[in-house]
Protein backbone atom coordinates (compact mmCIF):
# COMPACT_ATOMS: atom_id res chain seq x y z
CA UNK A 1 28.28 -24.93 44.53
CA UNK A 2 26.56 -23.61 47.64
CA UNK A 3 22.83 -23.04 47.39
CA UNK A 4 20.60 -20.93 49.57
CA UNK A 5 18.69 -23.46 51.63
CA UNK A 6 16.10 -20.82 52.51
CA UNK A 7 15.20 -20.37 48.86
CA UNK A 8 15.10 -24.13 48.27
CA UNK A 9 12.79 -24.51 51.27
CA UNK A 10 10.51 -21.72 50.05
CA UNK A 11 10.33 -23.28 46.58
CA UNK A 12 9.37 -26.66 48.02
CA UNK A 13 6.90 -25.14 50.51
CA UNK A 14 5.23 -22.98 47.83
CA UNK A 15 5.07 -25.93 45.44
CA UNK A 16 3.50 -28.05 48.19
CA UNK A 17 0.94 -25.34 48.89
CA UNK A 18 0.08 -25.19 45.19
CA UNK A 19 -0.14 -29.02 45.01
CA UNK A 20 2.48 -29.33 42.26
CA UNK A 21 3.80 -32.73 41.31
CA UNK A 22 7.29 -33.85 42.29
CA UNK A 23 8.70 -33.55 38.76
CA UNK A 24 7.55 -29.90 38.54
CA UNK A 25 9.22 -29.17 41.89
CA UNK A 26 12.36 -30.85 40.58
CA UNK A 27 12.30 -28.75 37.39
CA UNK A 28 11.92 -25.52 39.39
CA UNK A 29 14.77 -26.49 41.76
CA UNK A 30 17.08 -27.42 38.86
CA UNK A 31 16.22 -24.14 37.13
CA UNK A 32 16.97 -22.21 40.31
CA UNK A 33 20.31 -24.00 40.77
CA UNK A 34 21.26 -23.38 37.13
CA UNK A 35 20.50 -19.67 37.26
CA UNK A 36 22.23 -19.27 40.60
CA UNK A 37 25.37 -20.91 39.19
CA UNK A 38 25.18 -18.64 36.11
CA UNK A 39 24.84 -15.59 38.36
CA UNK A 40 27.91 -16.63 40.39
CA UNK A 41 30.00 -17.12 37.27
CA UNK A 42 28.97 -13.77 35.80
CA UNK A 43 29.65 -11.91 39.05
CA UNK A 44 33.06 -13.60 39.43
CA UNK A 45 33.96 -12.69 35.85
CA UNK A 46 32.90 -9.07 36.40
CA UNK A 47 34.97 -8.90 39.59
CA UNK A 48 38.06 -10.34 37.86
CA UNK A 49 37.60 -7.92 34.95
CA UNK A 50 37.38 -4.96 37.34
CA UNK A 51 40.59 -6.04 39.08
CA UNK A 52 42.27 -6.59 35.73
CA UNK A 53 41.31 -3.10 34.55
CA UNK A 54 42.78 -1.53 37.69
CA UNK A 55 45.97 -3.61 37.85
CA UNK A 56 46.97 -3.98 34.20
CA UNK A 57 47.72 -1.78 31.21
CA UNK A 58 49.65 0.98 32.97
CA UNK A 59 52.71 2.41 31.18
CA UNK A 60 55.54 4.32 32.83
CA UNK A 61 55.07 8.04 32.33
CA UNK A 62 57.50 9.69 29.94
CA UNK A 63 57.45 12.89 31.99
CA UNK A 64 58.00 11.37 35.45
CA UNK A 65 59.17 7.75 35.92
CA UNK A 66 57.55 7.62 39.39
CA UNK A 67 54.10 7.76 37.76
CA UNK A 68 52.15 5.50 35.42
CA UNK A 69 49.72 6.54 32.69
CA UNK A 70 46.70 4.75 31.29
CA UNK A 71 44.83 6.80 28.76
CA UNK A 72 44.32 10.21 30.34
CA UNK A 73 44.63 8.92 33.91
CA UNK A 74 47.85 9.03 35.92
CA UNK A 75 48.79 7.39 39.23
CA UNK A 76 51.83 6.91 41.43
CA UNK A 77 53.82 3.89 40.30
CA UNK A 78 53.39 0.78 42.45
CA UNK A 79 56.49 -1.30 43.09
CA UNK A 80 56.59 -5.07 43.60
CA UNK A 81 55.40 -5.55 47.18
CA UNK A 82 52.96 -2.61 47.02
CA UNK A 83 51.41 -4.05 43.88
CA UNK A 84 50.93 -7.48 45.46
CA UNK A 85 49.34 -5.92 48.55
CA UNK A 86 47.00 -3.89 46.36
CA UNK A 87 45.97 -7.03 44.49
CA UNK A 88 45.29 -8.86 47.76
CA UNK A 89 43.14 -6.05 49.12
CA UNK A 90 41.25 -5.72 45.83
CA UNK A 91 40.44 -9.42 45.78
CA UNK A 92 39.17 -9.57 49.34
CA UNK A 93 42.23 -11.13 50.92
CA UNK A 94 42.77 -13.91 48.39
CA UNK A 95 46.05 -13.70 46.50
CA UNK A 96 45.41 -12.67 42.91
CA UNK A 97 48.21 -11.45 40.71
CA UNK A 98 47.09 -10.37 37.30
CA UNK A 99 48.68 -12.88 34.96
CA UNK A 100 46.73 -11.51 31.99
CA UNK A 101 48.71 -8.29 31.84
CA UNK A 102 50.98 -9.61 29.12
CA UNK A 103 48.89 -7.92 26.43
CA UNK A 104 46.39 -10.78 26.43
CA UNK A 105 42.75 -9.97 25.99
CA UNK A 106 40.68 -10.55 29.11
CA UNK A 107 38.16 -13.37 28.55
């Protein structure tokens, strides 16, 4: 967990200016850390879900096997190495291969 030291400093400085006791400063800092961790988890989950929605669930088109269909959307079919490169670019350079594509519900 990496916190923003600027925010922590501002919390402590503002609490000192308002003459708050140490336990109140501690409660505010713990609350800030908790909500920041929650925000990181929610944003990571949203990012993984977005990648999952783009990478998974495509079926080979019955009309043209070089295309894939998902609902009413169609795209050119990605082969093995192209699909891995697409996943790497989508995840910001970190290797992520959608292992939830096996008809599992995304968490």
